[in-house]
Amino acid sequence: MFQTDQEIIARINKLRAERNAVILAHNYELGEVQDIADFAGDSLELSQKAAKTKADVIVFCGVKFMAETANLLSPDKTVLLPVAEAGCDMADMADAEGLRQLKAQHPGAIVACYVNSTAEVKAESDICVTSSNAIAMIKSLPEDKEIIFVPDMNLGRYCMEQTGRKMILWEGFCPVHVRITAAQIRRRRTEYPNAQVLMHPESPKESIALADYALSTGGILKHARESNCQEFIIATEIGIMHRLQQENPDKKFIAASEQAVCPAMKVIRLKDILASLENMKTKVVVPEKIAAKARQPIIRMLEETARLQK
C-alpha cells in the first residue's frame, strides 16, 4: 500500500515505462493530474498527440467522450479511462435516436457535431467542430444547406452570431459554463478594472457579450501567454487556472466564478491513474460498427482544417 503521493508517482512512472503508456490530462483536471501527464490540453488536441506517439497504451484523464475519441483516432492502442463513471452532462444531453428523428424532420440538413459528444452521436453527424474551429467549420459548409448543430446550443448560438448562418440548435448545454453569469462578470470587472475577460464560448450569450475574447481552453492559454496584459478574468472551468499560473507566474488570474467546477473533471486522482495502469482498466472501446461512422466527421473536420490552412 502506497502512503504518499511521491510513492504513487514513482509507481506510476515505473508502470508508464513498462506498459509503454502515455498519460493525457484535460486542462480542467486537478493540478496533480495535469502535472504527471505527458500532455495536457484540449480533448481533441490530446487525442491527436497520442495518435502520433508510439505508445501502446493511452491513459486518458478526462471524461468518457474524450477517451472514445482517442479510441477512434488510435484504434490500435489500448485506451484507459481511470474512473469509468467520469461522464459529460452536456454530451449525455444528446442521443443518437433523437438526432435521427431531427434529421428526418430536416432532410438534407448537414449535422455539425461539437466534439464534446458521444461516439453514437458523432456516428449520426457529418462534420465535427471544436470550440476553437467551430466558426471556420460552419463558414465552410454549403450556404444552400440547413445546419443542425448538436449538442451545445450556446456554442451553436455563438457560431450563428459570428457567421450569420442560421442553424437548428439542439437544446444541450454545459452545466458548468451556464453558471458563469453576466452579473458575475460585471462584478469582477468592477473589482479588476484592468483585467481582460477571457471566456469559453459554451457560456450564455449575455455573458459572452461582456467578454473581451471568447476562446477555447487552448485559445485562453495561448492568449494569456502572448498578451501584454497582466491581469485576466478567466470565465471557464477553474481547473485551467493551474496551468495558466504555471505558464505565466508573473501574471494574475482571477476566476470569474468559483462555482465553475465540473465534478466529473475532478474525480480522477493519482491513485486512480496508478490503479488504471496496474489493472489495465477501464478499457474504452467503441464498437467498430459505430466507430467506422463516428470517425468520418472527425476526419472531415481535420481535412477541412488542413485545406483552410493552405
C-alpha atoms as a PDB file:
ATOM      1  CA  MET A   1       0.000   0.000   0.000  1.00  0.00           C
ATOM      2  CA  PHE A   2       1.491   3.334  -1.047  1.00  0.00           C
ATOM      3  CA  GLN A   3       1.075   6.056   1.533  1.00  0.00           C
ATOM      4  CA  THR A   4       2.482   9.174  -0.085  1.00  0.00           C
ATOM      5  CA  ASP A   5       1.966  10.958  -3.403  1.00  0.00           C
ATOM      6  CA  GLN A   6       5.687  10.577  -4.102  1.00  0.00           C
ATOM      7  CA  GLU A   7       5.449   6.799  -3.809  1.00  0.00           C
ATOM      8  CA  ILE A   8       2.354   6.724  -6.033  1.00  0.00           C
ATOM      9  CA  ILE A   9       4.063   8.918  -8.629  1.00  0.00           C
ATOM     10  CA  ALA A  10       7.160   6.697  -8.626  1.00  0.00           C
ATOM     11  CA  ARG A  11       4.993   3.627  -9.179  1.00  0.00           C
ATOM     12  CA  ILE A  12       3.032   5.362 -11.966  1.00  0.00           C
ATOM     13  CA  ASN A  13       6.280   6.311 -13.714  1.00  0.00           C
ATOM     14  CA  LYS A  14       7.572   2.742 -13.453  1.00  0.00           C
ATOM     15  CA  LEU A  15       4.367   1.303 -14.917  1.00  0.00           C
ATOM     16  CA  ARG A  16       4.180   4.024 -17.561  1.00  0.00           C
ATOM     17  CA  ALA A  17       7.523   2.818 -18.881  1.00  0.00           C
ATOM     18  CA  GLU A  18       6.699  -0.881 -18.548  1.00  0.00           C
ATOM     19  CA  ARG A  19       3.332  -0.539 -20.305  1.00  0.00           C
ATOM     20  CA  ASN A  20       4.702   1.902 -22.910  1.00  0.00           C
ATOM     21  CA  ALA A  21       1.889   4.220 -21.874  1.00  0.00           C
ATOM     22  CA  VAL A  22       1.175   7.893 -22.484  1.00  0.00           C
ATOM     23  CA  ILE A  23      -0.838   9.838 -19.900  1.00  0.00           C
ATOM     24  CA  LEU A  24      -3.165  12.591 -21.119  1.00  0.00           C
ATOM     25  CA  ALA A  25      -4.856  15.194 -18.914  1.00  0.00           C
ATOM     26  CA  HIS A  26      -7.512  17.684 -19.912  1.00  0.00           C
ATOM     27  CA  ASN A  27      -6.993  21.309 -18.896  1.00  0.00           C
ATOM     28  CA  TYR A  28      -9.831  21.011 -16.368  1.00  0.00           C
ATOM     29  CA  GLU A  29      -8.324  18.107 -14.406  1.00  0.00           C
ATOM     30  CA  LEU A  30      -6.809  18.507 -10.941  1.00  0.00           C
ATOM     31  CA  GLY A  31      -3.358  20.066 -10.840  1.00  0.00           C
ATOM     32  CA  GLU A  32      -1.732  16.866  -9.572  1.00  0.00           C
ATOM     33  CA  VAL A  33      -3.135  15.005 -12.575  1.00  0.00           C
ATOM     34  CA  GLN A  34      -2.039  17.657 -15.076  1.00  0.00           C
ATOM     35  CA  ASP A  35       1.458  17.635 -13.565  1.00  0.00           C
ATOM     36  CA  ILE A  36       2.011  13.912 -14.053  1.00  0.00           C
ATOM     37  CA  ALA A  37       0.636  13.844 -17.611  1.00  0.00           C
ATOM     38  CA  ASP A  38       2.802  13.584 -20.711  1.00  0.00           C
ATOM     39  CA  PHE A  39       0.422  16.010 -22.393  1.00  0.00           C
ATOM     40  CA  ALA A  40      -2.183  18.435 -21.041  1.00  0.00           C
ATOM     41  CA  GLY A  41      -4.605  20.245 -23.322  1.00  0.00           C
ATOM     42  CA  ASP A  42      -7.959  20.265 -25.136  1.00  0.00           C
ATOM     43  CA  SER A  43      -9.690  16.927 -25.673  1.00  0.00           C
ATOM     44  CA  LEU A  44      -9.170  16.587 -29.447  1.00  0.00           C
ATOM     45  CA  GLU A  45      -5.658  18.044 -29.258  1.00  0.00           C
ATOM     46  CA  LEU A  46      -4.749  15.338 -26.738  1.00  0.00           C
ATOM     47  CA  SER A  47      -6.149  12.527 -28.869  1.00  0.00           C
ATOM     48  CA  GLN A  48      -4.206  13.804 -31.883  1.00  0.00           C
ATOM     49  CA  LYS A  49      -0.960  13.978 -29.907  1.00  0.00           C
ATOM     50  CA  ALA A  50      -1.453  10.484 -28.513  1.00  0.00           C
ATOM     51  CA  ALA A  51      -2.124   9.110 -32.003  1.00  0.00           C
ATOM     52  CA  LYS A  52       1.276  10.396 -33.133  1.00  0.00           C
ATOM     53  CA  THR A  53       3.159   8.640 -30.338  1.00  0.00           C
ATOM     54  CA  LYS A  54       4.471   5.084 -30.395  1.00  0.00           C
ATOM     55  CA  ALA A  55       2.699   4.336 -27.115  1.00  0.00           C
ATOM     56  CA  ASP A  56       0.764   1.095 -26.776  1.00  0.00           C
ATOM     57  CA  VAL A  57      -1.491   2.446 -24.020  1.00  0.00           C
ATOM     58  CA  ILE A  58      -3.304   5.777 -23.636  1.00  0.00           C
ATOM     59  CA  VAL A  59      -4.423   6.729 -20.118  1.00  0.00           C
ATOM     60  CA  PHE A  60      -6.962   9.499 -20.693  1.00  0.00           C
ATOM     61  CA  CYS A  61      -7.601  11.652 -17.638  1.00  0.00           C
ATOM     62  CA  GLY A  62     -10.808  13.312 -18.710  1.00  0.00           C
ATOM     63  CA  VAL A  63     -14.348  12.113 -19.395  1.00  0.00           C
ATOM     64  CA  LYS A  64     -15.738   9.254 -21.444  1.00  0.00           C
ATOM     65  CA  PHE A  65     -16.329  11.016 -24.768  1.00  0.00           C
ATOM     66  CA  MET A  66     -12.664  12.078 -24.753  1.00  0.00           C
ATOM     67  CA  ALA A  67     -11.494   8.504 -24.275  1.00  0.00           C
ATOM     68  CA  GLU A  68     -13.861   7.434 -27.064  1.00  0.00           C
ATOM     69  CA  THR A  69     -12.308   9.998 -29.408  1.00  0.00           C
ATOM     70  CA  ALA A  70      -8.838   8.714 -28.524  1.00  0.00           C
ATOM     71  CA  ASN A  71     -10.013   5.206 -29.394  1.00  0.00           C
ATOM     72  CA  LEU A  72     -11.440   6.427 -32.705  1.00  0.00           C
ATOM     73  CA  LEU A  73      -8.130   8.046 -33.678  1.00  0.00           C
ATOM     74  CA  SER A  74      -5.922   5.283 -32.248  1.00  0.00           C
ATOM     75  CA  PRO A  75      -7.833   2.010 -32.716  1.00  0.00           C
ATOM     76  CA  ASP A  76      -4.557   0.077 -32.470  1.00  0.00           C
ATOM     77  CA  LYS A  77      -3.823   1.400 -28.964  1.00  0.00           C
ATOM     78  CA  THR A  78      -5.414   0.446 -25.648  1.00  0.00           C
ATOM     79  CA  VAL A  79      -7.339   3.405 -24.217  1.00  0.00           C
ATOM     80  CA  LEU A  80      -7.946   3.526 -20.470  1.00  0.00           C
ATOM     81  CA  LEU A  81     -10.280   5.843 -18.551  1.00  0.00           C
ATOM     82  CA  PRO A  82      -9.101   5.745 -14.902  1.00  0.00           C
ATOM     83  CA  VAL A  83     -12.591   6.397 -13.481  1.00  0.00           C
ATOM     84  CA  ALA A  84     -15.255   4.693 -15.576  1.00  0.00           C
ATOM     85  CA  GLU A  85     -18.037   6.899 -14.196  1.00  0.00           C
ATOM     86  CA  ALA A  86     -16.428  10.136 -15.424  1.00  0.00           C
ATOM     87  CA  GLY A  87     -19.011  11.420 -17.887  1.00  0.00           C
ATOM     88  CA  CYS A  88     -20.062  14.686 -19.511  1.00  0.00           C
ATOM     89  CA  ASP A  89     -23.541  16.005 -18.754  1.00  0.00           C
ATOM     90  CA  MET A  90     -23.673  18.008 -21.969  1.00  0.00           C
ATOM     91  CA  ALA A  91     -22.610  15.070 -24.147  1.00  0.00           C
ATOM     92  CA  ASP A  92     -25.278  12.950 -22.464  1.00  0.00           C
ATOM     93  CA  MET A  93     -27.967  15.506 -23.352  1.00  0.00           C
ATOM     94  CA  ALA A  94     -27.813  14.374 -26.987  1.00  0.00           C
ATOM     95  CA  ASP A  95     -28.775  10.887 -28.128  1.00  0.00           C
ATOM     96  CA  ALA A  96     -28.456   9.158 -31.476  1.00  0.00           C
ATOM     97  CA  GLU A  97     -32.150   8.259 -31.770  1.00  0.00           C
ATOM     98  CA  GLY A  98     -33.272  11.816 -31.060  1.00  0.00           C
ATOM     99  CA  LEU A  99     -30.787  13.117 -33.615  1.00  0.00           C
ATOM    100  CA  ARG A 100     -32.056  10.650 -36.223  1.00  0.00           C
ATOM    101  CA  GLN A 101     -35.590  11.934 -35.630  1.00  0.00           C
ATOM    102  CA  LEU A 102     -34.445  15.553 -36.002  1.00  0.00           C
ATOM    103  CA  LYS A 103     -32.612  14.680 -39.223  1.00  0.00           C
ATOM    104  CA  ALA A 104     -35.797  13.079 -40.574  1.00  0.00           C
ATOM    105  CA  GLN A 105     -37.617  16.381 -39.966  1.00  0.00           C
ATOM    106  CA  HIS A 106     -34.917  18.250 -41.908  1.00  0.00           C
ATOM    107  CA  PRO A 107     -33.910  16.012 -44.818  1.00  0.00           C
ATOM    108  CA  GLY A 108     -30.702  17.122 -46.454  1.00  0.00           C
ATOM    109  CA  ALA A 109     -29.514  19.104 -43.445  1.00  0.00           C
ATOM    110  CA  ILE A 110     -25.836  18.952 -42.507  1.00  0.00           C
ATOM    111  CA  VAL A 111     -25.198  17.858 -38.926  1.00  0.00           C
ATOM    112  CA  ALA A 112     -22.355  19.779 -37.306  1.00  0.00           C
ATOM    113  CA  CYS A 113     -21.383  17.985 -34.123  1.00  0.00           C
ATOM    114  CA  TYR A 114     -19.359  19.512 -31.311  1.00  0.00           C
ATOM    115  CA  VAL A 115     -16.556  17.103 -30.451  1.00  0.00           C
ATOM    116  CA  ASN A 116     -17.947  17.082 -26.886  1.00  0.00           C
ATOM    117  CA  SER A 117     -20.412  14.357 -27.813  1.00  0.00           C
ATOM    118  CA  THR A 118     -20.750  10.601 -27.646  1.00  0.00           C
ATOM    119  CA  ALA A 119     -19.473   8.301 -30.381  1.00  0.00           C
ATOM    120  CA  GLU A 120     -23.068   7.348 -31.174  1.00  0.00           C
ATOM    121  CA  VAL A 121     -23.961  10.980 -31.862  1.00  0.00           C
ATOM    122  CA  LYS A 122     -20.806  11.517 -33.914  1.00  0.00           C
ATOM    123  CA  ALA A 123     -21.831   8.492 -35.999  1.00  0.00           C
ATOM    124  CA  GLU A 124     -25.029  10.350 -36.980  1.00  0.00           C
ATOM    125  CA  SER A 125     -23.143  13.536 -37.895  1.00  0.00           C
ATOM    126  CA  ASP A 126     -21.469  14.943 -40.998  1.00  0.00           C
ATOM    127  CA  ILE A 127     -18.691  17.085 -39.562  1.00  0.00           C
ATOM    128  CA  CYS A 128     -17.233  17.681 -36.110  1.00  0.00           C
ATOM    129  CA  VAL A 129     -16.210  21.045 -34.721  1.00  0.00           C
ATOM    130  CA  THR A 130     -14.170  22.133 -31.734  1.00  0.00           C
ATOM    131  CA  SER A 131     -14.598  25.305 -29.718  1.00  0.00           C
ATOM    132  CA  SER A 132     -11.522  26.716 -31.467  1.00  0.00           C
ATOM    133  CA  ASN A 133     -12.515  25.912 -35.075  1.00  0.00           C
ATOM    134  CA  ALA A 134     -16.329  25.926 -34.932  1.00  0.00           C
ATOM    135  CA  ILE A 135     -16.697  29.271 -36.692  1.00  0.00           C
ATOM    136  CA  ALA A 136     -14.367  28.262 -39.531  1.00  0.00           C
ATOM    137  CA  MET A 137     -16.086  24.889 -39.942  1.00  0.00           C
ATOM    138  CA  ILE A 138     -19.573  26.442 -40.081  1.00  0.00           C
ATOM    139  CA  LYS A 139     -18.392  29.021 -42.621  1.00  0.00           C
ATOM    140  CA  SER A 140     -17.047  26.201 -44.796  1.00  0.00           C
ATOM    141  CA  LEU A 141     -20.430  24.471 -45.122  1.00  0.00           C
ATOM    142  CA  PRO A 142     -22.589  24.961 -48.257  1.00  0.00           C
ATOM    143  CA  GLU A 143     -24.824  28.015 -47.896  1.00  0.00           C
ATOM    144  CA  ASP A 144     -27.803  26.289 -49.501  1.00  0.00           C
ATOM    145  CA  LYS A 145     -27.952  23.614 -46.798  1.00  0.00           C
ATOM    146  CA  GLU A 146     -29.692  23.652 -43.429  1.00  0.00           C
ATOM    147  CA  ILE A 147     -27.384  23.052 -40.493  1.00  0.00           C
ATOM    148  CA  ILE A 148     -28.231  21.103 -37.360  1.00  0.00           C
ATOM    149  CA  PHE A 149     -25.832  21.934 -34.511  1.00  0.00           C
ATOM    150  CA  VAL A 150     -25.510  19.443 -31.660  1.00  0.00           C
ATOM    151  CA  PRO A 151     -25.313  19.294 -28.657  1.00  0.00           C
ATOM    152  CA  ASP A 152     -24.344  22.717 -27.226  1.00  0.00           C
ATOM    153  CA  MET A 153     -26.832  25.464 -28.004  1.00  0.00           C
ATOM    154  CA  ASN A 154     -24.603  28.181 -26.524  1.00  0.00           C
ATOM    155  CA  LEU A 155     -21.660  27.392 -28.787  1.00  0.00           C
ATOM    156  CA  GLY A 156     -24.117  26.998 -31.660  1.00  0.00           C
ATOM    157  CA  ARG A 157     -25.694  30.388 -30.975  1.00  0.00           C
ATOM    158  CA  TYR A 158     -22.260  32.000 -30.790  1.00  0.00           C
ATOM    159  CA  CYS A 159     -21.379  30.486 -34.182  1.00  0.00           C
ATOM    160  CA  MET A 160     -24.643  31.789 -35.647  1.00  0.00           C
ATOM    161  CA  GLU A 161     -23.810  35.310 -34.492  1.00  0.00           C
ATOM    162  CA  GLN A 162     -20.259  35.139 -35.821  1.00  0.00           C
ATOM    163  CA  THR A 163     -21.074  33.557 -39.188  1.00  0.00           C
ATOM    164  CA  GLY A 164     -24.564  34.821 -39.981  1.00  0.00           C
ATOM    165  CA  ARG A 165     -25.634  31.233 -40.670  1.00  0.00           C
ATOM    166  CA  LYS A 166     -28.976  30.164 -39.242  1.00  0.00           C
ATOM    167  CA  MET A 167     -28.863  26.799 -37.522  1.00  0.00           C
ATOM    168  CA  ILE A 168     -31.202  24.356 -35.858  1.00  0.00           C
ATOM    169  CA  LEU A 169     -29.829  24.152 -32.326  1.00  0.00           C
ATOM    170  CA  TRP A 170     -30.037  21.099 -30.112  1.00  0.00           C
ATOM    171  CA  GLU A 171     -31.022  22.255 -26.626  1.00  0.00           C
ATOM    172  CA  GLY A 172     -27.977  20.936 -24.806  1.00  0.00           C
ATOM    173  CA  PHE A 173     -25.650  22.979 -22.613  1.00  0.00           C
ATOM    174  CA  CYS A 174     -22.678  22.752 -20.287  1.00  0.00           C
ATOM    175  CA  PRO A 175     -23.926  22.990 -16.682  1.00  0.00           C
ATOM    176  CA  VAL A 176     -20.587  24.485 -15.631  1.00  0.00           C
ATOM    177  CA  HIS A 177     -20.469  27.309 -18.158  1.00  0.00           C
ATOM    178  CA  VAL A 178     -24.114  28.326 -17.697  1.00  0.00           C
ATOM    179  CA  ARG A 179     -23.208  29.117 -14.083  1.00  0.00           C
ATOM    180  CA  ILE A 180     -20.982  31.939 -15.323  1.00  0.00           C
ATOM    181  CA  THR A 181     -23.469  34.797 -15.304  1.00  0.00           C
ATOM    182  CA  ALA A 182     -23.373  38.322 -16.668  1.00  0.00           C
ATOM    183  CA  ALA A 183     -23.752  39.628 -13.107  1.00  0.00           C
ATOM    184  CA  GLN A 184     -20.602  37.778 -12.059  1.00  0.00           C
ATOM    185  CA  ILE A 185     -18.643  39.239 -14.975  1.00  0.00           C
ATOM    186  CA  ARG A 186     -19.804  42.761 -14.173  1.00  0.00           C
ATOM    187  CA  ARG A 187     -18.786  42.311 -10.544  1.00  0.00           C
ATOM    188  CA  ARG A 188     -15.342  41.002 -11.468  1.00  0.00           C
ATOM    189  CA  ARG A 189     -14.816  43.878 -13.927  1.00  0.00           C
ATOM    190  CA  THR A 190     -15.569  46.326 -11.136  1.00  0.00           C
ATOM    191  CA  GLU A 191     -13.108  44.546  -8.833  1.00  0.00           C
ATOM    192  CA  TYR A 192     -10.388  44.252 -11.508  1.00  0.00           C
ATOM    193  CA  PRO A 193     -10.866  47.138 -13.983  1.00  0.00           C
ATOM    194  CA  ASN A 194      -7.542  46.492 -15.769  1.00  0.00           C
ATOM    195  CA  ALA A 195      -8.194  42.783 -16.405  1.00  0.00           C
ATOM    196  CA  GLN A 196      -9.189  41.226 -19.705  1.00  0.00           C
ATOM    197  CA  VAL A 197     -12.115  38.797 -19.634  1.00  0.00           C
ATOM    198  CA  LEU A 198     -11.340  35.524 -21.426  1.00  0.00           C
ATOM    199  CA  MET A 199     -14.453  33.362 -21.777  1.00  0.00           C
ATOM    200  CA  HIS A 200     -15.267  29.960 -23.216  1.00  0.00           C
ATOM    201  CA  PRO A 201     -17.944  30.112 -25.965  1.00  0.00           C
ATOM    202  CA  GLU A 202     -20.009  27.413 -24.206  1.00  0.00           C
ATOM    203  CA  SER A 203     -21.133  30.265 -21.931  1.00  0.00           C
ATOM    204  CA  PRO A 204     -24.518  32.052 -22.173  1.00  0.00           C
ATOM    205  CA  LYS A 205     -24.969  34.755 -24.801  1.00  0.00           C
ATOM    206  CA  GLU A 206     -25.381  37.577 -22.276  1.00  0.00           C
ATOM    207  CA  SER A 207     -22.129  36.591 -20.569  1.00  0.00           C
ATOM    208  CA  ILE A 208     -20.139  36.318 -23.801  1.00  0.00           C
ATOM    209  CA  ALA A 209     -21.307  39.827 -24.703  1.00  0.00           C
ATOM    210  CA  LEU A 210     -19.303  41.138 -21.734  1.00  0.00           C
ATOM    211  CA  ALA A 211     -16.080  39.275 -22.568  1.00  0.00           C
ATOM    212  CA  ASP A 212     -13.049  40.702 -24.328  1.00  0.00           C
ATOM    213  CA  TYR A 213     -12.415  37.390 -26.061  1.00  0.00           C
ATOM    214  CA  ALA A 214     -14.388  34.146 -26.478  1.00  0.00           C
ATOM    215  CA  LEU A 215     -11.808  31.375 -26.740  1.00  0.00           C
ATOM    216  CA  SER A 216     -11.331  27.635 -26.387  1.00  0.00           C
ATOM    217  CA  THR A 217      -9.238  26.451 -23.439  1.00  0.00           C
ATOM    218  CA  GLY A 218      -6.254  26.228 -25.768  1.00  0.00           C
ATOM    219  CA  GLY A 219      -7.039  29.717 -27.025  1.00  0.00           C
ATOM    220  CA  ILE A 220      -7.220  31.066 -23.480  1.00  0.00           C
ATOM    221  CA  LEU A 221      -3.808  29.583 -22.680  1.00  0.00           C
ATOM    222  CA  LYS A 222      -2.273  30.966 -25.875  1.00  0.00           C
ATOM    223  CA  HIS A 223      -3.743  34.444 -25.401  1.00  0.00           C
ATOM    224  CA  ALA A 224      -2.555  34.627 -21.791  1.00  0.00           C
ATOM    225  CA  ARG A 225       0.986  33.695 -22.858  1.00  0.00           C
ATOM    226  CA  GLU A 226       1.151  36.199 -25.717  1.00  0.00           C
ATOM    227  CA  SER A 227      -0.773  39.162 -24.306  1.00  0.00           C
ATOM    228  CA  ASN A 228       0.946  42.139 -22.690  1.00  0.00           C
ATOM    229  CA  CYS A 229      -1.968  42.365 -20.268  1.00  0.00           C
ATOM    230  CA  GLN A 230      -1.038  41.419 -16.687  1.00  0.00           C
ATOM    231  CA  GLU A 231      -4.483  40.549 -15.282  1.00  0.00           C
ATOM    232  CA  PHE A 232      -7.125  38.191 -16.642  1.00  0.00           C
ATOM    233  CA  ILE A 233     -10.611  37.211 -15.515  1.00  0.00           C
ATOM    234  CA  ILE A 234     -10.989  33.582 -16.576  1.00  0.00           C
ATOM    235  CA  ALA A 235     -14.529  32.558 -17.429  1.00  0.00           C
ATOM    236  CA  THR A 236     -14.366  28.805 -17.805  1.00  0.00           C
ATOM    237  CA  GLU A 237     -13.894  25.728 -15.584  1.00  0.00           C
ATOM    238  CA  ILE A 238     -11.434  26.645 -12.846  1.00  0.00           C
ATOM    239  CA  GLY A 239      -9.120  23.685 -13.490  1.00  0.00           C
ATOM    240  CA  ILE A 240      -7.430  25.739 -16.201  1.00  0.00           C
ATOM    241  CA  MET A 241      -6.137  28.173 -13.568  1.00  0.00           C
ATOM    242  CA  HIS A 242      -3.431  25.669 -12.573  1.00  0.00           C
ATOM    243  CA  ARG A 243      -1.763  25.655 -15.975  1.00  0.00           C
ATOM    244  CA  LEU A 244      -2.318  29.370 -16.547  1.00  0.00           C
ATOM    245  CA  GLN A 245      -0.450  30.217 -13.362  1.00  0.00           C
ATOM    246  CA  GLN A 246       2.315  27.702 -14.090  1.00  0.00           C
ATOM    247  CA  GLU A 247       2.928  29.119 -17.554  1.00  0.00           C
ATOM    248  CA  ASN A 248       2.574  32.770 -16.512  1.00  0.00           C
ATOM    249  CA  PRO A 249       3.902  33.121 -12.936  1.00  0.00           C
ATOM    250  CA  ASP A 250       4.150  36.906 -13.203  1.00  0.00           C
ATOM    251  CA  LYS A 251       0.545  37.419 -14.311  1.00  0.00           C
ATOM    252  CA  LYS A 252      -2.633  37.460 -12.233  1.00  0.00           C
ATOM    253  CA  PHE A 253      -5.590  35.190 -12.980  1.00  0.00           C
ATOM    254  CA  ILE A 254      -8.998  35.606 -11.372  1.00  0.00           C
ATOM    255  CA  ALA A 255     -11.764  33.032 -11.667  1.00  0.00           C
ATOM    256  CA  ALA A 256     -14.953  34.626 -12.993  1.00  0.00           C
ATOM    257  CA  SER A 257     -16.905  32.236 -10.801  1.00  0.00           C
ATOM    258  CA  GLU A 258     -15.675  29.916  -8.055  1.00  0.00           C
ATOM    259  CA  GLN A 259     -18.764  27.826  -8.847  1.00  0.00           C
ATOM    260  CA  ALA A 260     -17.440  26.952 -12.317  1.00  0.00           C
ATOM    261  CA  VAL A 261     -16.393  23.467 -11.269  1.00  0.00           C
ATOM    262  CA  CYS A 262     -17.037  20.285 -13.245  1.00  0.00           C
ATOM    263  CA  PRO A 263     -17.319  17.421 -10.731  1.00  0.00           C
ATOM    264  CA  ALA A 264     -16.565  14.814 -13.411  1.00  0.00           C
ATOM    265  CA  MET A 265     -13.273  16.550 -14.190  1.00  0.00           C
ATOM    266  CA  LYS A 266     -12.228  16.301 -10.557  1.00  0.00           C
ATOM    267  CA  VAL A 267     -12.849  12.610  -9.808  1.00  0.00           C
ATOM    268  CA  ILE A 268      -9.558  11.279 -11.172  1.00  0.00           C
ATOM    269  CA  ARG A 269      -6.751  11.255  -8.622  1.00  0.00           C
ATOM    270  CA  LEU A 270      -3.189   9.938  -8.711  1.00  0.00           C
ATOM    271  CA  LYS A 271      -4.324   6.707  -7.083  1.00  0.00           C
ATOM    272  CA  ASP A 272      -6.817   6.158  -9.909  1.00  0.00           C
ATOM    273  CA  ILE A 273      -4.123   6.565 -12.550  1.00  0.00           C
ATOM    274  CA  LEU A 274      -1.995   4.039 -10.688  1.00  0.00           C
ATOM    275  CA  ALA A 275      -4.857   1.557 -10.389  1.00  0.00           C
ATOM    276  CA  SER A 276      -5.653   2.041 -14.077  1.00  0.00           C
ATOM    277  CA  LEU A 277      -2.112   1.137 -15.103  1.00  0.00           C
ATOM    278  CA  GLU A 278      -1.884  -1.748 -12.622  1.00  0.00           C
ATOM    279  CA  ASN A 279      -5.148  -3.366 -13.678  1.00  0.00           C
ATOM    280  CA  MET A 280      -5.385  -2.040 -17.276  1.00  0.00           C
ATOM    281  CA  LYS A 281      -8.843  -0.646 -16.546  1.00  0.00           C
ATOM    282  CA  THR A 282     -11.203   0.742 -17.629  1.00  0.00           C
ATOM    283  CA  LYS A 283     -10.771  -0.013 -21.326  1.00  0.00           C
ATOM    284  CA  VAL A 284     -12.801   2.205 -23.661  1.00  0.00           C
ATOM    285  CA  VAL A 285     -13.604   0.603 -26.993  1.00  0.00           C
ATOM    286  CA  VAL A 286     -16.125   1.999 -29.446  1.00  0.00           C
ATOM    287  CA  PRO A 287     -17.836  -0.879 -31.309  1.00  0.00           C
ATOM    288  CA  GLU A 288     -16.469  -0.966 -34.852  1.00  0.00           C
ATOM    289  CA  LYS A 289     -19.911  -0.605 -36.436  1.00  0.00           C
ATOM    290  CA  ILE A 290     -20.264   2.768 -34.672  1.00  0.00           C
ATOM    291  CA  ALA A 291     -16.567   3.658 -34.849  1.00  0.00           C
ATOM    292  CA  ALA A 292     -16.421   3.408 -38.643  1.00  0.00           C
ATOM    293  CA  LYS A 293     -19.167   6.039 -38.929  1.00  0.00           C
ATOM    294  CA  ALA A 294     -18.072   8.167 -35.951  1.00  0.00           C
ATOM    295  CA  ARG A 295     -14.565   8.565 -37.366  1.00  0.00           C
ATOM    296  CA  GLN A 296     -15.836  10.181 -40.576  1.00  0.00           C
ATOM    297  CA  PRO A 297     -16.977  13.585 -39.201  1.00  0.00           C
ATOM    298  CA  ILE A 298     -13.676  13.914 -37.340  1.00  0.00           C
ATOM    299  CA  ILE A 299     -11.716  13.115 -40.492  1.00  0.00           C
ATOM    300  CA  ARG A 300     -13.803  15.580 -42.482  1.00  0.00           C
ATOM    301  CA  MET A 301     -13.062  18.289 -39.920  1.00  0.00           C
ATOM    302  CA  LEU A 302      -9.322  17.574 -39.985  1.00  0.00           C
ATOM    303  CA  GLU A 303      -9.287  17.581 -43.788  1.00  0.00           C
ATOM    304  CA  GLU A 304     -11.222  20.842 -43.945  1.00  0.00           C
ATOM    305  CA  THR A 305      -8.886  22.398 -41.373  1.00  0.00           C
ATOM    306  CA  ALA A 306      -5.873  21.352 -43.454  1.00  0.00           C
ATOM    307  CA  ARG A 307      -7.464  22.799 -46.594  1.00  0.00           C
ATOM    308  CA  LEU A 308      -8.150  26.146 -44.902  1.00  0.00           C
ATOM    309  CA  GLN A 309      -4.589  26.348 -43.623  1.00  0.00           C
ATOM    310  CA  LYS A 310      -3.052  26.012 -47.096  1.00  0.00           C
END
